N, C-alpha and C. Protein backbone atom coordinates (compact mmCIF):
# COMPACT_ATOMS: atom_id res chain seq x y z
N MET A 1 0.85 -1.16 0.00
CA MET A 1 0.00 0.00 0.00
C MET A 1 0.90 1.24 0.00
N LEU A 2 0.45 2.25 -0.69
CA LEU A 2 1.16 3.53 -0.78
C LEU A 2 0.24 4.64 -0.30
N VAL A 3 0.75 5.50 0.58
CA VAL A 3 0.00 6.66 1.06
C VAL A 3 0.80 7.91 0.74
N LEU A 4 0.20 8.82 -0.01
CA LEU A 4 0.82 10.10 -0.34
C LEU A 4 -0.01 11.19 0.33
N ILE A 5 0.70 12.11 1.00
CA ILE A 5 0.01 13.21 1.68
C ILE A 5 0.71 14.52 1.31
N GLY A 6 -0.08 15.53 0.98
CA GLY A 6 0.47 16.84 0.67
C GLY A 6 0.93 17.54 1.94
N GLU A 7 2.10 18.17 1.90
CA GLU A 7 2.65 18.82 3.10
C GLU A 7 1.80 19.99 3.58
N LYS A 8 0.96 20.54 2.70
CA LYS A 8 0.12 21.67 3.07
C LYS A 8 -1.31 21.25 3.42
N GLU A 9 -1.48 20.01 3.76
CA GLU A 9 -2.79 19.50 4.19
C GLU A 9 -3.29 20.36 5.35
N ILE A 10 -4.57 20.77 5.31
CA ILE A 10 -5.08 21.67 6.35
C ILE A 10 -5.96 20.95 7.38
N ILE A 11 -6.40 19.76 7.10
CA ILE A 11 -7.28 19.04 8.01
C ILE A 11 -6.49 18.45 9.19
N TYR A 12 -5.25 18.04 8.94
CA TYR A 12 -4.41 17.43 9.97
C TYR A 12 -2.95 17.74 9.65
N PRO A 13 -2.06 17.65 10.63
CA PRO A 13 -0.63 17.89 10.37
C PRO A 13 -0.04 16.72 9.56
N ALA A 14 0.30 16.99 8.33
CA ALA A 14 0.72 15.94 7.40
C ALA A 14 1.94 15.17 7.89
N LYS A 15 2.96 15.87 8.32
CA LYS A 15 4.18 15.19 8.74
C LYS A 15 3.93 14.27 9.93
N LYS A 16 3.16 14.75 10.90
CA LYS A 16 2.84 13.93 12.07
C LYS A 16 1.99 12.71 11.67
N ALA A 17 1.10 12.89 10.73
CA ALA A 17 0.26 11.77 10.27
C ALA A 17 1.12 10.68 9.64
N LEU A 18 2.08 11.09 8.81
CA LEU A 18 2.95 10.10 8.17
C LEU A 18 3.86 9.43 9.19
N GLU A 19 4.36 10.20 10.16
CA GLU A 19 5.20 9.61 11.21
C GLU A 19 4.42 8.56 11.99
N ARG A 20 3.19 8.88 12.32
CA ARG A 20 2.36 7.92 13.07
C ARG A 20 2.06 6.69 12.23
N LEU A 21 1.72 6.89 10.98
CA LEU A 21 1.45 5.76 10.09
C LEU A 21 2.69 4.87 9.96
N ASN A 22 3.85 5.48 9.81
CA ASN A 22 5.09 4.70 9.70
C ASN A 22 5.35 3.91 10.99
N ARG A 23 4.95 4.47 12.11
CA ARG A 23 5.16 3.81 13.40
C ARG A 23 4.20 2.64 13.59
N VAL A 24 2.92 2.83 13.27
CA VAL A 24 1.93 1.79 13.53
C VAL A 24 1.78 0.78 12.40
N ALA A 25 2.19 1.15 11.20
CA ALA A 25 2.07 0.25 10.04
C ALA A 25 3.30 0.42 9.15
N PRO A 26 4.46 -0.03 9.61
CA PRO A 26 5.70 0.20 8.87
C PRO A 26 5.75 -0.45 7.48
N GLN A 27 4.87 -1.38 7.22
CA GLN A 27 4.85 -2.03 5.91
C GLN A 27 4.24 -1.14 4.83
N ILE A 28 3.57 -0.07 5.23
CA ILE A 28 2.96 0.86 4.27
C ILE A 28 4.00 1.87 3.83
N LYS A 29 4.14 2.04 2.54
CA LYS A 29 5.07 3.03 2.00
C LYS A 29 4.38 4.39 2.02
N THR A 30 5.13 5.41 2.42
CA THR A 30 4.55 6.75 2.54
C THR A 30 5.46 7.78 1.89
N ALA A 31 4.86 8.90 1.51
CA ALA A 31 5.64 10.02 0.98
C ALA A 31 4.90 11.32 1.26
N LEU A 32 5.67 12.31 1.63
CA LEU A 32 5.15 13.67 1.83
C LEU A 32 5.40 14.43 0.54
N ILE A 33 4.35 14.96 -0.06
CA ILE A 33 4.44 15.66 -1.33
C ILE A 33 4.54 17.16 -1.05
N PRO A 34 5.66 17.79 -1.43
CA PRO A 34 5.85 19.22 -1.15
C PRO A 34 4.92 20.12 -1.96
N ALA A 35 4.63 21.27 -1.39
CA ALA A 35 3.85 22.32 -2.06
C ALA A 35 2.49 21.81 -2.55
N ALA A 36 1.87 20.95 -1.75
CA ALA A 36 0.56 20.42 -2.12
C ALA A 36 -0.26 20.17 -0.87
N GLY A 37 -1.58 20.24 -1.04
CA GLY A 37 -2.51 19.88 0.02
C GLY A 37 -3.29 18.67 -0.43
N TYR A 38 -4.60 18.70 -0.18
CA TYR A 38 -5.45 17.59 -0.60
C TYR A 38 -5.50 17.47 -2.13
N ASP A 39 -5.11 18.53 -2.81
CA ASP A 39 -5.16 18.59 -4.27
C ASP A 39 -3.85 18.11 -4.92
N LEU A 40 -3.11 17.28 -4.22
CA LEU A 40 -1.76 16.92 -4.67
C LEU A 40 -1.72 16.30 -6.06
N VAL A 41 -2.75 15.58 -6.47
CA VAL A 41 -2.72 14.98 -7.81
C VAL A 41 -2.82 16.02 -8.92
N TRP A 42 -3.28 17.22 -8.59
CA TRP A 42 -3.36 18.30 -9.59
C TRP A 42 -2.19 19.26 -9.48
N THR A 43 -1.75 19.54 -8.27
CA THR A 43 -0.68 20.52 -8.10
C THR A 43 0.71 19.94 -8.26
N GLN A 44 0.85 18.65 -8.03
CA GLN A 44 2.16 17.99 -8.16
C GLN A 44 2.02 16.70 -8.98
N THR A 45 1.37 16.82 -10.10
CA THR A 45 1.05 15.67 -10.94
C THR A 45 2.27 14.82 -11.27
N ASN A 46 3.34 15.45 -11.74
CA ASN A 46 4.52 14.68 -12.14
C ASN A 46 5.14 13.93 -10.97
N LEU A 47 5.24 14.59 -9.83
CA LEU A 47 5.83 13.94 -8.66
C LEU A 47 4.94 12.80 -8.16
N VAL A 48 3.64 13.02 -8.12
CA VAL A 48 2.72 11.97 -7.70
C VAL A 48 2.82 10.77 -8.65
N ASN A 49 2.82 11.04 -9.94
CA ASN A 49 2.96 9.95 -10.92
C ASN A 49 4.28 9.20 -10.72
N GLN A 50 5.35 9.94 -10.47
CA GLN A 50 6.65 9.32 -10.24
C GLN A 50 6.62 8.40 -9.01
N LYS A 51 6.02 8.87 -7.91
CA LYS A 51 5.93 8.08 -6.69
C LYS A 51 5.10 6.81 -6.91
N ILE A 52 4.02 6.94 -7.66
CA ILE A 52 3.18 5.77 -7.94
C ILE A 52 3.93 4.77 -8.81
N LEU A 53 4.61 5.24 -9.85
CA LEU A 53 5.37 4.33 -10.70
C LEU A 53 6.51 3.65 -9.94
N GLU A 54 7.19 4.40 -9.07
CA GLU A 54 8.24 3.81 -8.24
C GLU A 54 7.67 2.73 -7.33
N PHE A 55 6.50 2.99 -6.78
CA PHE A 55 5.85 2.01 -5.92
C PHE A 55 5.50 0.75 -6.71
N PHE A 56 4.89 0.92 -7.88
CA PHE A 56 4.56 -0.23 -8.71
C PHE A 56 5.82 -1.02 -9.07
N ASP A 57 6.87 -0.32 -9.46
CA ASP A 57 8.13 -0.99 -9.79
C ASP A 57 8.65 -1.80 -8.62
N SER A 58 8.59 -1.22 -7.42
CA SER A 58 9.10 -1.94 -6.24
C SER A 58 8.27 -3.18 -5.96
N GLN A 59 6.97 -3.10 -6.20
CA GLN A 59 6.10 -4.26 -5.97
C GLN A 59 6.39 -5.36 -6.97
N VAL A 60 6.57 -5.00 -8.22
CA VAL A 60 6.87 -5.99 -9.26
C VAL A 60 8.24 -6.61 -8.97
N SER A 61 9.21 -5.78 -8.61
CA SER A 61 10.55 -6.28 -8.32
C SER A 61 10.53 -7.26 -7.15
N GLU A 62 9.77 -6.94 -6.12
CA GLU A 62 9.67 -7.84 -4.96
C GLU A 62 9.04 -9.17 -5.36
N LYS A 63 7.99 -9.12 -6.17
CA LYS A 63 7.30 -10.34 -6.57
C LYS A 63 8.15 -11.19 -7.51
N MET A 64 8.95 -10.53 -8.35
CA MET A 64 9.76 -11.26 -9.32
C MET A 64 11.17 -11.53 -8.82
N GLY A 65 11.50 -11.00 -7.64
CA GLY A 65 12.84 -11.20 -7.10
C GLY A 65 13.91 -10.48 -7.88
N ASP A 66 13.53 -9.35 -8.49
CA ASP A 66 14.44 -8.62 -9.36
C ASP A 66 14.48 -7.18 -8.93
N THR A 67 15.68 -6.62 -8.78
CA THR A 67 15.79 -5.21 -8.37
C THR A 67 16.46 -4.36 -9.46
N ARG A 68 16.39 -4.81 -10.70
CA ARG A 68 17.04 -4.07 -11.78
C ARG A 68 16.25 -2.85 -12.25
N GLY A 69 15.03 -2.69 -11.86
CA GLY A 69 14.28 -1.52 -12.30
C GLY A 69 12.95 -1.87 -12.90
N ARG A 70 12.50 -1.03 -13.81
CA ARG A 70 11.16 -1.15 -14.38
C ARG A 70 10.98 -2.43 -15.20
N HIS A 71 9.82 -3.02 -15.07
CA HIS A 71 9.45 -4.23 -15.81
C HIS A 71 8.20 -3.94 -16.59
N VAL A 72 8.08 -4.54 -17.73
CA VAL A 72 6.84 -4.47 -18.49
C VAL A 72 5.99 -5.66 -18.09
N VAL A 73 4.78 -5.38 -17.63
CA VAL A 73 3.91 -6.46 -17.16
C VAL A 73 2.72 -6.56 -18.08
């Protein structure tokens, strides 16, 4: 599972939320997206896409036992 949170989130303190999530569920991958709030998929599209692709790559690599990088599935 991947959780992305914008650093400018106004409902809760983003950094503290990610720290707590990392503490209680360390198997979940997390990332703080700079200069974004709840609208992170629109304000930081390229970075969000990059984080998602990196996550998918890591999942495929783990399943295939390969750490060489991107795989075509």
